[in-house]
C-alpha atoms as a PDB file:
ATOM      1  CA  MET A   1       0.000   0.000   0.000  1.00  0.00           C
ATOM      2  CA  PHE A   2       2.725   2.418   0.969  1.00  0.00           C
ATOM      3  CA  LEU A   3       4.717   1.569  -2.125  1.00  0.00           C
ATOM      4  CA  LEU A   4       1.707   2.382  -4.317  1.00  0.00           C
ATOM      5  CA  ALA A   5       1.179   5.622  -2.419  1.00  0.00           C
ATOM      6  CA  PHE A   6       4.816   6.543  -3.020  1.00  0.00           C
ATOM      7  CA  MET A   7       4.619   5.653  -6.712  1.00  0.00           C
ATOM      8  CA  PHE A   8       1.495   7.768  -7.224  1.00  0.00           C
ATOM      9  CA  TYR A   9       3.118  10.604  -5.268  1.00  0.00           C
ATOM     10  CA  GLN A  10       6.097  10.468  -7.612  1.00  0.00           C
ATOM     11  CA  SER A  11       3.780  10.647 -10.629  1.00  0.00           C
ATOM     12  CA  ASN A  12       2.002  13.735  -9.156  1.00  0.00           C
ATOM     13  CA  ASN A  13      -1.303  11.900  -8.685  1.00  0.00           C
ATOM     14  CA  SER A  14      -2.060  13.213  -5.206  1.00  0.00           C
ATOM     15  CA  PHE A  15      -5.574  11.751  -4.894  1.00  0.00           C
ATOM     16  CA  LEU A  16      -4.424   8.143  -5.368  1.00  0.00           C
ATOM     17  CA  SER A  17      -1.298   8.672  -3.274  1.00  0.00           C
ATOM     18  CA  TYR A  18      -3.395   9.947  -0.332  1.00  0.00           C
ATOM     19  CA  TYR A  19      -5.934   7.184  -0.902  1.00  0.00           C
ATOM     20  CA  PHE A  20      -3.324   4.401  -0.704  1.00  0.00           C
ATOM     21  CA  LEU A  21      -1.525   6.108   2.161  1.00  0.00           C
ATOM     22  CA  ALA A  22      -4.766   6.310   4.197  1.00  0.00           C
ATOM     23  CA  PHE A  23      -5.708   2.749   3.289  1.00  0.00           C
ATOM     24  CA  GLY A  24      -2.246   1.532   4.317  1.00  0.00           C
ATOM     25  CA  ILE A  25      -2.457   3.296   7.682  1.00  0.00           C
ATOM     26  CA  VAL A  26      -5.936   1.895   8.372  1.00  0.00           C
ATOM     27  CA  THR A  27      -4.724  -1.589   7.426  1.00  0.00           C
ATOM     28  CA  LEU A  28      -1.649  -1.225   9.620  1.00  0.00           C
ATOM     29  CA  ILE A  29      -3.807  -0.286  12.613  1.00  0.00           C
ATOM     30  CA  PHE A  30      -6.682  -2.761  12.273  1.00  0.00           C
ATOM     31  CA  TYR A  31      -5.051  -5.857  10.747  1.00  0.00           C
ATOM     32  CA  PRO A  32      -3.605  -7.158  14.058  1.00  0.00           C
ATOM     33  CA  PHE A  33      -7.127  -7.251  15.542  1.00  0.00           C
ATOM     34  CA  TYR A  34      -8.442  -9.113  12.521  1.00  0.00           C
ATOM     35  CA  GLN A  35      -5.546 -11.569  12.587  1.00  0.00           C
ATOM     36  CA  ARG A  36      -5.974 -12.235  16.320  1.00  0.00           C
ATOM     37  CA  GLN A  37      -9.639 -13.103  15.775  1.00  0.00           C
ATOM     38  CA  GLN A  38      -8.742 -15.361  12.845  1.00  0.00           C
ATOM     39  CA  TYR A  39      -6.216 -17.263  14.993  1.00  0.00           C
ATOM     40  CA  LYS A  40      -8.761 -17.690  17.788  1.00  0.00           C
ATOM     41  CA  ASN A  41     -11.365 -19.040  15.379  1.00  0.00           C
ATOM     42  CA  HIS A  42      -8.873 -21.332  13.655  1.00  0.00           C
ATOM     43  CA  TYR A  43      -7.572 -22.917  16.848  1.00  0.00           C
ATOM     44  CA  ALA A  44     -11.024 -23.182  18.426  1.00  0.00           C
ATOM     45  CA  LYS A  45     -12.225 -25.070  15.347  1.00  0.00           C
ATOM     46  CA  PHE A  46      -9.081 -27.225  15.265  1.00  0.00           C
ATOM     47  CA  ILE A  47      -9.453 -28.197  18.921  1.00  0.00           C
ATOM     48  CA  ALA A  48     -13.172 -28.883  18.534  1.00  0.00           C
ATOM     49  CA  ASP A  49     -12.561 -31.116  15.490  1.00  0.00           C
ATOM     50  CA  THR A  50      -9.509 -32.915  16.851  1.00  0.00           C
ATOM     51  CA  TYR A  51     -10.750 -33.609  20.359  1.00  0.00           C
ATOM     52  CA  LYS A  52     -14.517 -33.798  19.772  1.00  0.00           C
ATOM     53  CA  ASN A  53     -14.740 -37.351  21.128  1.00  0.00           C
ATOM     54  CA  ARG A  54     -12.718 -36.536  24.247  1.00  0.00           C
ATOM     55  CA  PHE A  55     -14.714 -33.567  25.579  1.00  0.00           C
ATOM     56  CA  GLY A  56     -16.931 -34.467  28.489  1.00  0.00           C
ATOM     57  CA  GLN A  57     -15.096 -37.728  29.158  1.00  0.00           C
ATOM     58  CA  THR A  58     -13.840 -38.522  32.631  1.00  0.00           C
ATOM     59  CA  ALA A  59     -10.114 -38.925  33.160  1.00  0.00           C
ATOM     60  CA  ASN A  60      -8.324 -39.805  36.366  1.00  0.00           C
ATOM     61  CA  ILE A  61      -4.882 -38.512  37.326  1.00  0.00           C
ATOM     62  CA  HIS A  62      -2.903 -40.017  40.175  1.00  0.00           C
ATOM     63  CA  PHE A  63       0.407 -38.597  41.360  1.00  0.00           C
ATOM     64  CA  ALA A  64       2.420 -41.589  42.589  1.00  0.00           C
ATOM     65  CA  GLU A  65       5.937 -41.527  44.067  1.00  0.00           C
ATOM     66  CA  ASN A  66       7.842 -41.453  40.757  1.00  0.00           C
ATOM     67  CA  VAL A  67       5.166 -41.278  38.049  1.00  0.00           C
ATOM     68  CA  ILE A  68       1.944 -39.575  37.062  1.00  0.00           C
ATOM     69  CA  GLU A  69      -0.659 -42.179  36.182  1.00  0.00           C
ATOM     70  CA  THR A  70      -3.516 -41.156  33.882  1.00  0.00           C
ATOM     71  CA  ASN A  71      -6.590 -43.200  33.095  1.00  0.00           C
ATOM     72  CA  ASP A  72      -9.198 -42.292  30.464  1.00  0.00           C
ATOM     73  CA  ILE A  73     -11.308 -43.892  27.721  1.00  0.00           C
ATOM     74  CA  THR A  74      -8.267 -44.365  25.473  1.00  0.00           C
ATOM     75  CA  GLY A  75      -6.329 -46.336  28.098  1.00  0.00           C
ATOM     76  CA  GLU A  76      -3.733 -45.868  30.779  1.00  0.00           C
ATOM     77  CA  SER A  77      -0.431 -44.041  30.680  1.00  0.00           C
ATOM     78  CA  LYS A  78       2.449 -43.321  33.020  1.00  0.00           C
ATOM     79  CA  ILE A  79       4.632 -40.240  32.875  1.00  0.00           C
ATOM     80  CA  ASN A  80       7.895 -40.116  34.805  1.00  0.00           C
ATOM     81  CA  LEU A  81       7.976 -37.229  37.275  1.00  0.00           C
ATOM     82  CA  SER A  82      11.479 -36.453  36.047  1.00  0.00           C
ATOM     83  CA  GLU A  83       9.842 -35.331  32.773  1.00  0.00           C
ATOM     84  CA  LEU A  84       7.959 -32.491  34.492  1.00  0.00           C
ATOM     85  CA  GLU A  85       9.366 -29.089  33.564  1.00  0.00           C
ATOM     86  CA  ASN A  86       7.084 -26.848  35.635  1.00  0.00           C
ATOM     87  CA  VAL A  87       3.527 -26.474  36.897  1.00  0.00           C
ATOM     88  CA  THR A  88       1.474 -23.420  35.972  1.00  0.00           C
ATOM     89  CA  GLU A  89      -1.691 -22.365  37.769  1.00  0.00           C
ATOM     90  CA  THR A  90      -4.121 -20.035  36.034  1.00  0.00           C
ATOM     91  CA  GLY A  91      -7.508 -18.836  37.176  1.00  0.00           C
ATOM     92  CA  GLU A  92      -9.316 -21.940  35.924  1.00  0.00           C
ATOM     93  CA  TYR A  93      -6.675 -24.645  35.324  1.00  0.00           C
ATOM     94  CA  PHE A  94      -3.471 -26.308  36.450  1.00  0.00           C
ATOM     95  CA  TYR A  95      -0.977 -27.078  33.671  1.00  0.00           C
ATOM     96  CA  PRO A  96       1.815 -29.528  34.514  1.00  0.00           C
ATOM     97  CA  SER A  97       4.260 -28.991  31.622  1.00  0.00           C
ATOM     98  CA  LEU A  98       6.373 -31.810  30.248  1.00  0.00           C
ATOM     99  CA  ARG A  99       9.900 -31.502  28.859  1.00  0.00           C
ATOM    100  CA  THR A 100       8.619 -32.867  25.544  1.00  0.00           C
ATOM    101  CA  GLY A 101       6.426 -29.774  25.125  1.00  0.00           C
ATOM    102  CA  GLY A 102       3.126 -31.369  26.134  1.00  0.00           C
ATOM    103  CA  HIS A 103       0.872 -30.401  29.006  1.00  0.00           C
ATOM    104  CA  LEU A 104      -1.655 -32.037  31.232  1.00  0.00           C
ATOM    105  CA  ILE A 105      -4.748 -29.871  31.649  1.00  0.00           C
ATOM    106  CA  ILE A 106      -6.431 -30.124  35.035  1.00  0.00           C
ATOM    107  CA  PRO A 107      -9.623 -28.012  35.280  1.00  0.00           C
ATOM    108  CA  LYS A 108     -10.225 -26.562  38.738  1.00  0.00           C
ATOM    109  CA  SER A 109     -13.984 -26.822  38.255  1.00  0.00           C
ATOM    110  CA  LYS A 110     -13.729 -30.639  38.246  1.00  0.00           C
ATOM    111  CA  ILE A 111     -11.571 -30.868  41.387  1.00  0.00           C
ATOM    112  CA  GLY A 112     -13.230 -31.357  44.757  1.00  0.00           C
ATOM    113  CA  ASP A 113     -10.605 -29.603  46.902  1.00  0.00           C
ATOM    114  CA  VAL A 114      -8.560 -27.172  44.812  1.00  0.00           C
ATOM    115  CA  SER A 115      -6.472 -25.895  47.727  1.00  0.00           C
ATOM    116  CA  GLN A 116      -5.373 -29.447  48.589  1.00  0.00           C
ATOM    117  CA  LEU A 117      -4.337 -30.126  44.976  1.00  0.00           C
ATOM    118  CA  ARG A 118      -2.495 -26.785  44.868  1.00  0.00           C
ATOM    119  CA  GLN A 119      -0.606 -27.717  48.035  1.00  0.00           C
ATOM    120  CA  GLU A 120       0.290 -31.168  46.674  1.00  0.00           C
ATOM    121  CA  LEU A 121       1.509 -29.675  43.402  1.00  0.00           C
ATOM    122  CA  ARG A 122       3.613 -27.113  45.281  1.00  0.00           C
ATOM    123  CA  GLN A 123       5.169 -29.873  47.379  1.00  0.00           C
ATOM    124  CA  LEU A 124       5.835 -31.895  44.233  1.00  0.00           C
ATOM    125  CA  CYS A 125       7.537 -28.875  42.628  1.00  0.00           C
ATOM    126  CA  GLU A 126       9.707 -28.347  45.708  1.00  0.00           C
ATOM    127  CA  ARG A 127      10.684 -32.010  45.783  1.00  0.00           C
ATOM    128  CA  LEU A 128      11.553 -32.038  42.060  1.00  0.00           C
ATOM    129  CA  LYS A 129      13.159 -28.567  42.241  1.00  0.00           C
ATOM    130  CA  ILE A 130      11.002 -27.185  39.422  1.00  0.00           C
ATOM    131  CA  ASN A 131       9.013 -23.943  39.209  1.00  0.00           C
ATOM    132  CA  PHE A 132       5.421 -23.540  40.332  1.00  0.00           C
ATOM    133  CA  ILE A 133       4.142 -20.600  38.282  1.00  0.00           C
ATOM    134  CA  GLU A 134       1.083 -18.833  39.633  1.00  0.00           C
ATOM    135  CA  ASP A 135      -0.622 -16.661  36.995  1.00  0.00           C
ATOM    136  CA  LEU A 136      -4.188 -16.373  38.252  1.00  0.00           C
ATOM    137  CA  ASN A 137      -5.061 -13.363  36.060  1.00  0.00           C
ATOM    138  CA  TRP A 138      -4.015 -15.002  32.772  1.00  0.00           C
ATOM    139  CA  LYS A 139      -6.574 -14.907  29.995  1.00  0.00           C
ATOM    140  CA  TRP A 140      -6.529 -15.575  26.274  1.00  0.00           C
ATOM    141  CA  ARG A 141      -5.855 -12.462  24.247  1.00  0.00           C
END
């Protein structure tokens, strides 16, 4: 847009140069908002399509001495505690992060005693010498 505005300015066509300059400025200001909304819609649709059969299903997580044991409709799995990188707490979830880049998502709304789980996760982090990140005001932008 700005290149066209410059080219029309050089050819003494002031109307088109101002038009493309104004259009370029408006695009520069409003495109990030448009792009953010597009990303939100894309990932919401991707998650809904990919995990549509897993929403609403019960899963059990048990923190044993050296492993995290998970149980859901797809089967059982064990994750070594040494693979935990950190634990993040947001306003609605706990996210134990794995060194491989994955996360476990633990919704607070499905936990009976959130303060007890928080305390256990803090103790686990201290024992493993990893960070417990508390970001209660985090929200998707």
